[in-house]
PDB file of all heavy atoms in Angstrom:
ATOM      1  N   VAL A   1      -6.009  -0.452  -8.606  1.00  0.00           N
ATOM      2  CA  VAL A   1      -5.302  -1.132  -9.665  1.00  0.00           C
ATOM      3  C   VAL A   1      -3.944  -1.635  -9.209  1.00  0.00           C
ATOM      4  O   VAL A   1      -3.583  -2.802  -9.412  1.00  0.00           O
ATOM      5  CB  VAL A   1      -5.183  -0.237 -10.926  1.00  0.00           C
ATOM      6  CG1 VAL A   1      -4.379  -0.935 -12.009  1.00  0.00           C
ATOM      7  CG2 VAL A   1      -6.526   0.184 -11.427  1.00  0.00           C
ATOM      8  N   THR A   2      -3.155  -0.798  -8.571  1.00  0.00           N
ATOM      9  CA  THR A   2      -1.770  -1.160  -8.232  1.00  0.00           C
ATOM     10  C   THR A   2      -1.587  -1.714  -6.849  1.00  0.00           C
ATOM     11  O   THR A   2      -0.520  -2.230  -6.532  1.00  0.00           O
ATOM     12  CB  THR A   2      -0.803   0.019  -8.455  1.00  0.00           C
ATOM     13  OG1 THR A   2      -1.141   1.065  -7.562  1.00  0.00           O
ATOM     14  CG2 THR A   2      -0.860   0.571  -9.862  1.00  0.00           C
ATOM     15  N   GLN A   3      -2.600  -1.638  -5.992  1.00  0.00           N
ATOM     16  CA  GLN A   3      -2.447  -2.191  -4.653  1.00  0.00           C
ATOM     17  C   GLN A   3      -2.384  -3.723  -4.745  1.00  0.00           C
ATOM     18  O   GLN A   3      -3.225  -4.344  -5.361  1.00  0.00           O
ATOM     19  CB  GLN A   3      -3.674  -1.783  -3.790  1.00  0.00           C
ATOM     20  CG  GLN A   3      -3.612  -2.272  -2.389  1.00  0.00           C
ATOM     21  CD  GLN A   3      -4.672  -1.716  -1.482  1.00  0.00           C
ATOM     22  OE1 GLN A   3      -4.528  -1.651  -0.280  1.00  0.00           O
ATOM     23  NE2 GLN A   3      -5.796  -1.251  -2.031  1.00  0.00           N
ATOM     24  N   THR A   4      -1.380  -4.301  -4.103  1.00  0.00           N
ATOM     25  CA  THR A   4      -1.205  -5.753  -4.152  1.00  0.00           C
ATOM     26  C   THR A   4      -2.176  -6.433  -3.214  1.00  0.00           C
ATOM     27  O   THR A   4      -2.729  -5.842  -2.296  1.00  0.00           O
ATOM     28  CB  THR A   4       0.233  -6.147  -3.765  1.00  0.00           C
ATOM     29  OG1 THR A   4       0.409  -5.860  -2.348  1.00  0.00           O
ATOM     30  CG2 THR A   4       1.260  -5.408  -4.562  1.00  0.00           C
ATOM     31  N   ASP A   5      -2.360  -7.713  -3.462  1.00  0.00           N
ATOM     32  CA  ASP A   5      -3.235  -8.527  -2.582  1.00  0.00           C
ATOM     33  C   ASP A   5      -2.702  -8.481  -1.131  1.00  0.00           C
ATOM     34  O   ASP A   5      -3.489  -8.382  -0.215  1.00  0.00           O
ATOM     35  CB  ASP A   5      -3.304  -9.961  -3.024  1.00  0.00           C
ATOM     36  CG  ASP A   5      -4.142 -10.144  -4.324  1.00  0.00           C
ATOM     37  OD1 ASP A   5      -4.883  -9.216  -4.679  1.00  0.00           O
ATOM     38  OD2 ASP A   5      -4.014 -11.207  -4.939  1.00  0.00           O
ATOM     39  N   TRP A   6      -1.377  -8.585  -0.981  1.00  0.00           N
ATOM     40  CA  TRP A   6      -0.776  -8.549   0.354  1.00  0.00           C
ATOM     41  C   TRP A   6      -1.107  -7.232   1.067  1.00  0.00           C
ATOM     42  O   TRP A   6      -1.491  -7.220   2.220  1.00  0.00           O
ATOM     43  CB  TRP A   6       0.722  -8.754   0.220  1.00  0.00           C
ATOM     44  CG  TRP A   6       1.480  -8.485   1.510  1.00  0.00           C
ATOM     45  CD1 TRP A   6       1.430  -9.285   2.636  1.00  0.00           C
ATOM     46  CD2 TRP A   6       2.338  -7.398   1.786  1.00  0.00           C
ATOM     47  NE1 TRP A   6       2.227  -8.726   3.594  1.00  0.00           N
ATOM     48  CE2 TRP A   6       2.810  -7.576   3.095  1.00  0.00           C
ATOM     49  CE3 TRP A   6       2.784  -6.329   1.062  1.00  0.00           C
ATOM     50  CZ2 TRP A   6       3.688  -6.685   3.733  1.00  0.00           C
ATOM     51  CZ3 TRP A   6       3.689  -5.433   1.662  1.00  0.00           C
ATOM     52  CH2 TRP A   6       4.109  -5.638   2.990  1.00  0.00           C
ATOM     53  N   GLN A   7      -0.979  -6.115   0.361  1.00  0.00           N
ATOM     54  CA  GLN A   7      -1.263  -4.823   0.970  1.00  0.00           C
ATOM     55  C   GLN A   7      -2.747  -4.754   1.342  1.00  0.00           C
ATOM     56  O   GLN A   7      -3.070  -4.377   2.432  1.00  0.00           O
ATOM     57  CB  GLN A   7      -0.937  -3.690  -0.018  1.00  0.00           C
ATOM     58  CG  GLN A   7       0.560  -3.531  -0.254  1.00  0.00           C
ATOM     59  CD  GLN A   7       0.868  -2.631  -1.422  1.00  0.00           C
ATOM     60  OE1 GLN A   7      -0.027  -2.175  -2.158  1.00  0.00           O
ATOM     61  NE2 GLN A   7       2.149  -2.353  -1.638  1.00  0.00           N
ATOM     62  N   ALA A   8      -3.585  -5.134   0.433  1.00  0.00           N
ATOM     63  CA  ALA A   8      -5.051  -5.010   0.653  1.00  0.00           C
ATOM     64  C   ALA A   8      -5.526  -5.894   1.780  1.00  0.00           C
ATOM     65  O   ALA A   8      -6.419  -5.470   2.559  1.00  0.00           O
ATOM     66  CB  ALA A   8      -5.778  -5.383  -0.613  1.00  0.00           C
ATOM     67  N   THR A   9      -4.973  -7.078   1.928  1.00  0.00           N
ATOM     68  CA  THR A   9      -5.479  -8.012   2.951  1.00  0.00           C
ATOM     69  C   THR A   9      -4.824  -7.860   4.307  1.00  0.00           C
ATOM     70  O   THR A   9      -5.382  -8.339   5.299  1.00  0.00           O
ATOM     71  CB  THR A   9      -5.369  -9.454   2.483  1.00  0.00           C
ATOM     72  OG1 THR A   9      -3.993  -9.754   2.208  1.00  0.00           O
ATOM     73  CG2 THR A   9      -6.201  -9.734   1.247  1.00  0.00           C
ATOM     74  N   THR A  10      -3.653  -7.215   4.371  1.00  0.00           N
ATOM     75  CA  THR A  10      -2.972  -7.130   5.683  1.00  0.00           C
ATOM     76  C   THR A  10      -2.723  -5.718   6.218  1.00  0.00           C
ATOM     77  O   THR A  10      -2.261  -5.539   7.307  1.00  0.00           O
ATOM     78  CB  THR A  10      -1.620  -7.877   5.632  1.00  0.00           C
ATOM     79  OG1 THR A  10      -0.767  -7.297   4.636  1.00  0.00           O
ATOM     80  CG2 THR A  10      -1.826  -9.364   5.299  1.00  0.00           C
ATOM     81  N   LYS A  11      -3.027  -4.675   5.404  1.00  0.00           N
ATOM     82  CA  LYS A  11      -2.706  -3.309   5.829  1.00  0.00           C
ATOM     83  C   LYS A  11      -3.479  -2.872   7.072  1.00  0.00           C
ATOM     84  O   LYS A  11      -3.007  -1.953   7.778  1.00  0.00           O
ATOM     85  CB  LYS A  11      -2.981  -2.319   4.691  1.00  0.00           C
ATOM     86  CG  LYS A  11      -4.449  -2.197   4.313  1.00  0.00           C
ATOM     87  CD  LYS A  11      -4.646  -1.314   3.114  1.00  0.00           C
ATOM     88  CE  LYS A  11      -6.102  -1.270   2.699  1.00  0.00           C
ATOM     89  NZ  LYS A  11      -6.284  -0.532   1.483  1.00  0.00           N
ATOM     90  N   THR A  12      -4.573  -3.526   7.379  1.00  0.00           N
ATOM     91  CA  THR A  12      -5.317  -3.118   8.592  1.00  0.00           C
ATOM     92  C   THR A  12      -4.634  -3.566   9.879  1.00  0.00           C
ATOM     93  O   THR A  12      -4.930  -3.037  10.942  1.00  0.00           O
ATOM     94  CB  THR A  12      -6.743  -3.724   8.566  1.00  0.00           C
ATOM     95  OG1 THR A  12      -6.665  -5.141   8.543  1.00  0.00           O
ATOM     96  CG2 THR A  12      -7.519  -3.237   7.379  1.00  0.00           C
ATOM     97  N   HIS A  13      -3.713  -4.548   9.773  1.00  0.00           N
ATOM     98  CA  HIS A  13      -3.038  -4.989  10.998  1.00  0.00           C
ATOM     99  C   HIS A  13      -1.513  -5.148  10.821  1.00  0.00           C
ATOM    100  O   HIS A  13      -0.830  -5.578  11.738  1.00  0.00           O
ATOM    101  CB  HIS A  13      -3.649  -6.333  11.464  1.00  0.00           C
ATOM    102  CG  HIS A  13      -3.572  -7.419  10.445  1.00  0.00           C
ATOM    103  ND1 HIS A  13      -4.514  -7.556   9.481  1.00  0.00           N
ATOM    104  CD2 HIS A  13      -2.677  -8.402  10.223  1.00  0.00           C
ATOM    105  CE1 HIS A  13      -4.203  -8.591   8.710  1.00  0.00           C
ATOM    106  NE2 HIS A  13      -3.082  -9.104   9.152  1.00  0.00           N
ATOM    107  N   SER A  14      -0.994  -4.810   9.622  1.00  0.00           N
ATOM    108  CA  SER A  14       0.436  -4.901   9.374  1.00  0.00           C
ATOM    109  C   SER A  14       0.993  -3.528   8.995  1.00  0.00           C
ATOM    110  O   SER A  14       0.605  -2.966   7.965  1.00  0.00           O
ATOM    111  CB  SER A  14       0.706  -5.902   8.245  1.00  0.00           C
ATOM    112  OG  SER A  14       2.009  -5.752   7.741  1.00  0.00           O
ATOM    113  N   TRP A  15       1.876  -3.001   9.840  1.00  0.00           N
ATOM    114  CA  TRP A  15       2.485  -1.706   9.510  1.00  0.00           C
ATOM    115  C   TRP A  15       3.305  -1.767   8.220  1.00  0.00           C
ATOM    116  O   TRP A  15       3.221  -0.813   7.419  1.00  0.00           O
ATOM    117  CB  TRP A  15       3.340  -1.231  10.696  1.00  0.00           C
ATOM    118  CG  TRP A  15       2.483  -0.801  11.881  1.00  0.00           C
ATOM    119  CD1 TRP A  15       2.425  -1.468  13.067  1.00  0.00           C
ATOM    120  CD2 TRP A  15       1.583   0.271  11.972  1.00  0.00           C
ATOM    121  NE1 TRP A  15       1.522  -0.849  13.907  1.00  0.00           N
ATOM    122  CE2 TRP A  15       0.985   0.244  13.256  1.00  0.00           C
ATOM    123  CE3 TRP A  15       1.163   1.295  11.103  1.00  0.00           C
ATOM    124  CZ2 TRP A  15       0.049   1.189  13.677  1.00  0.00           C
ATOM    125  CZ3 TRP A  15       0.232   2.239  11.496  1.00  0.00           C
ATOM    126  CH2 TRP A  15      -0.297   2.130  12.799  1.00  0.00           C
ATOM    127  N   PRO A  16       4.063  -2.832   7.976  1.00  0.00           N
ATOM    128  CA  PRO A  16       4.812  -2.857   6.687  1.00  0.00           C
ATOM    129  C   PRO A  16       3.908  -2.834   5.465  1.00  0.00           C
ATOM    130  O   PRO A  16       4.218  -2.203   4.480  1.00  0.00           O
ATOM    131  CB  PRO A  16       5.639  -4.158   6.801  1.00  0.00           C
ATOM    132  CG  PRO A  16       5.796  -4.405   8.249  1.00  0.00           C
ATOM    133  CD  PRO A  16       4.516  -3.912   8.875  1.00  0.00           C
ATOM    134  N   ALA A  17       2.785  -3.607   5.528  1.00  0.00           N
ATOM    135  CA  ALA A  17       1.862  -3.587   4.424  1.00  0.00           C
ATOM    136  C   ALA A  17       1.235  -2.250   4.213  1.00  0.00           C
ATOM    137  O   ALA A  17       1.081  -1.739   3.083  1.00  0.00           O
ATOM    138  CB  ALA A  17       0.786  -4.638   4.630  1.00  0.00           C
ATOM    139  N   LEU A  18       0.840  -1.602   5.301  1.00  0.00           N
ATOM    140  CA  LEU A  18       0.273  -0.259   5.219  1.00  0.00           C
ATOM    141  C   LEU A  18       1.258   0.737   4.650  1.00  0.00           C
ATOM    142  O   LEU A  18       0.965   1.547   3.772  1.00  0.00           O
ATOM    143  CB  LEU A  18      -0.247   0.200   6.583  1.00  0.00           C
ATOM    144  CG  LEU A  18      -0.886   1.578   6.628  1.00  0.00           C
ATOM    145  CD1 LEU A  18      -2.172   1.619   5.806  1.00  0.00           C
ATOM    146  CD2 LEU A  18      -1.150   2.014   8.061  1.00  0.00           C
ATOM    147  N   ALA A  19       2.503   0.664   5.159  1.00  0.00           N
ATOM    148  CA  ALA A  19       3.528   1.603   4.653  1.00  0.00           C
ATOM    149  C   ALA A  19       3.823   1.382   3.182  1.00  0.00           C
ATOM    150  O   ALA A  19       4.000   2.354   2.401  1.00  0.00           O
ATOM    151  CB  ALA A  19       4.830   1.414   5.460  1.00  0.00           C
ATOM    152  N   ALA A  20       3.843   0.122   2.743  1.00  0.00           N
ATOM    153  CA  ALA A  20       4.094  -0.180   1.313  1.00  0.00           C
ATOM    154  C   ALA A  20       2.956   0.385   0.469  1.00  0.00           C
ATOM    155  O   ALA A  20       3.209   0.952  -0.594  1.00  0.00           O
ATOM    156  CB  ALA A  20       4.235  -1.669   1.121  1.00  0.00           C
ATOM    157  N   HIS A  21       1.704   0.188   0.928  1.00  0.00           N
ATOM    158  CA  HIS A  21       0.584   0.669   0.177  1.00  0.00           C
ATOM    159  C   HIS A  21       0.595   2.208   0.095  1.00  0.00           C
ATOM    160  O   HIS A  21       0.457   2.790  -1.004  1.00  0.00           O
ATOM    161  CB  HIS A  21      -0.750   0.198   0.808  1.00  0.00           C
ATOM    162  CG  HIS A  21      -1.928   0.872   0.249  1.00  0.00           C
ATOM    163  ND1 HIS A  21      -2.257   0.882  -1.124  1.00  0.00           N
ATOM    164  CD2 HIS A  21      -2.921   1.611   0.835  1.00  0.00           C
ATOM    165  CE1 HIS A  21      -3.357   1.567  -1.296  1.00  0.00           C
ATOM    166  NE2 HIS A  21      -3.781   2.020  -0.147  1.00  0.00           N
ATOM    167  N   VAL A  22       0.721   2.873   1.232  1.00  0.00           N
ATOM    168  CA  VAL A  22       0.696   4.334   1.278  1.00  0.00           C
ATOM    169  C   VAL A  22       1.863   4.891   0.433  1.00  0.00           C
ATOM    170  O   VAL A  22       1.666   5.893  -0.295  1.00  0.00           O
ATOM    171  CB  VAL A  22       0.707   4.873   2.705  1.00  0.00           C
ATOM    172  CG1 VAL A  22       0.903   6.348   2.773  1.00  0.00           C
ATOM    173  CG2 VAL A  22      -0.592   4.468   3.436  1.00  0.00           C
ATOM    174  N   THR A  23       2.994   4.284   0.464  1.00  0.00           N
ATOM    175  CA  THR A  23       4.137   4.757  -0.312  1.00  0.00           C
ATOM    176  C   THR A  23       3.889   4.590  -1.808  1.00  0.00           C
ATOM    177  O   THR A  23       4.079   5.559  -2.571  1.00  0.00           O
ATOM    178  CB  THR A  23       5.428   3.995   0.113  1.00  0.00           C
ATOM    179  OG1 THR A  23       5.685   4.249   1.490  1.00  0.00           O
ATOM    180  CG2 THR A  23       6.613   4.463  -0.716  1.00  0.00           C
ATOM    181  N   SER A  24       3.502   3.381  -2.247  1.00  0.00           N
ATOM    182  CA  SER A  24       3.293   3.220  -3.682  1.00  0.00           C
ATOM    183  C   SER A  24       2.133   4.068  -4.202  1.00  0.00           C
ATOM    184  O   SER A  24       2.225   4.642  -5.295  1.00  0.00           O
ATOM    185  CB  SER A  24       3.045   1.741  -3.998  1.00  0.00           C
ATOM    186  OG  SER A  24       1.886   1.244  -3.388  1.00  0.00           O
ATOM    187  N   TYR A  25       1.072   4.201  -3.424  1.00  0.00           N
ATOM    188  CA  TYR A  25      -0.073   5.000  -3.776  1.00  0.00           C
ATOM    189  C   TYR A  25       0.373   6.476  -3.984  1.00  0.00           C
ATOM    190  O   TYR A  25       0.033   7.139  -4.978  1.00  0.00           O
ATOM    191  CB  TYR A  25      -1.091   4.906  -2.640  1.00  0.00           C
ATOM    192  CG  TYR A  25      -2.293   5.785  -2.690  1.00  0.00           C
ATOM    193  CD1 TYR A  25      -3.521   5.284  -3.080  1.00  0.00           C
ATOM    194  CD2 TYR A  25      -2.272   7.149  -2.302  1.00  0.00           C
ATOM    195  CE1 TYR A  25      -4.707   6.034  -3.075  1.00  0.00           C
ATOM    196  CE2 TYR A  25      -3.385   7.915  -2.316  1.00  0.00           C
ATOM    197  CZ  TYR A  25      -4.605   7.363  -2.714  1.00  0.00           C
ATOM    198  OH  TYR A  25      -5.740   8.143  -2.708  1.00  0.00           O
ATOM    199  N   HIS A  26       1.219   6.987  -3.080  1.00  0.00           N
ATOM    200  CA  HIS A  26       1.569   8.400  -3.129  1.00  0.00           C
ATOM    201  C   HIS A  26       2.693   8.666  -4.146  1.00  0.00           C
ATOM    202  O   HIS A  26       2.818   9.786  -4.654  1.00  0.00           O
ATOM    203  CB  HIS A  26       1.829   8.965  -1.769  1.00  0.00           C
ATOM    204  CG  HIS A  26       0.502   9.178  -1.043  1.00  0.00           C
ATOM    205  ND1 HIS A  26      -0.052   8.197  -0.270  1.00  0.00           N
ATOM    206  CD2 HIS A  26      -0.347  10.228  -1.032  1.00  0.00           C
ATOM    207  CE1 HIS A  26      -1.206   8.628   0.206  1.00  0.00           C
ATOM    208  NE2 HIS A  26      -1.407   9.846  -0.274  1.00  0.00           N
ATOM    209  N   LEU A  27       3.506   7.674  -4.452  1.00  0.00           N
ATOM    210  CA  LEU A  27       4.452   7.835  -5.540  1.00  0.00           C
ATOM    211  C   LEU A  27       3.731   7.977  -6.874  1.00  0.00           C
ATOM    212  O   LEU A  27       4.060   8.819  -7.690  1.00  0.00           O
ATOM    213  CB  LEU A  27       5.428   6.637  -5.601  1.00  0.00           C
ATOM    214  CG  LEU A  27       6.506   6.622  -4.531  1.00  0.00           C
ATOM    215  CD1 LEU A  27       7.270   5.304  -4.555  1.00  0.00           C
ATOM    216  CD2 LEU A  27       7.461   7.802  -4.682  1.00  0.00           C
ATOM    217  N   LEU A  28       2.732   7.147  -7.062  1.00  0.00           N
ATOM    218  CA  LEU A  28       1.864   7.261  -8.266  1.00  0.00           C
ATOM    219  C   LEU A  28       1.149   8.577  -8.277  1.00  0.00           C
ATOM    220  O   LEU A  28       1.160   9.291  -9.330  1.00  0.00           O
ATOM    221  CB  LEU A  28       0.869   6.071  -8.290  1.00  0.00           C
ATOM    222  CG  LEU A  28      -0.159   6.089  -9.410  1.00  0.00           C
ATOM    223  CD1 LEU A  28       0.539   6.010 -10.774  1.00  0.00           C
ATOM    224  CD2 LEU A  28      -1.120   4.929  -9.231  1.00  0.00           C
ATOM    225  N   MET A  29       0.535   8.969  -7.175  1.00  0.00           N
ATOM    226  CA  MET A  29      -0.175  10.240  -7.152  1.00  0.00           C
ATOM    227  C   MET A  29       0.772  11.422  -7.371  1.00  0.00           C
ATOM    228  O   MET A  29       0.441  12.373  -8.067  1.00  0.00           O
ATOM    229  CB  MET A  29      -0.905  10.388  -5.804  1.00  0.00           C
ATOM    230  CG  MET A  29      -1.777  11.642  -5.733  1.00  0.00           C
ATOM    231  SD  MET A  29      -2.789  11.634  -4.275  1.00  0.00           S
ATOM    232  CE  MET A  29      -3.992  10.397  -4.700  1.00  0.00           C
ATOM    233  N   GLY A  30       1.964  11.371  -6.768  1.00  0.00           N
ATOM    234  CA  GLY A  30       2.945  12.436  -6.971  1.00  0.00           C
ATOM    235  C   GLY A  30       3.352  12.556  -8.441  1.00  0.00           C
ATOM    236  O   GLY A  30       3.484  13.670  -8.946  1.00  0.00           O
ATOM    237  N   THR A  31       3.485  11.437  -9.099  1.00  0.00           N
ATOM    238  CA  THR A  31       3.775  11.436 -10.552  1.00  0.00           C
ATOM    239  C   THR A  31       2.670  12.149 -11.332  1.00  0.00           C
ATOM    240  O   THR A  31       2.945  12.963 -12.216  1.00  0.00           O
ATOM    241  CB  THR A  31       4.007  10.006 -11.068  1.00  0.00           C
ATOM    242  OG1 THR A  31       5.074   9.421 -10.308  1.00  0.00           O
ATOM    243  CG2 THR A  31       4.337   9.985 -12.535  1.00  0.00           C
TER     244      THR A  31
END
């Protein structure tokens, strides 16, 4: 639901996209 298109399409080859996804995912999970 909250993963952006940019994160989903570039996280496999972009460290910033992967870091943004993992961070937002785990902030939500931590909450």
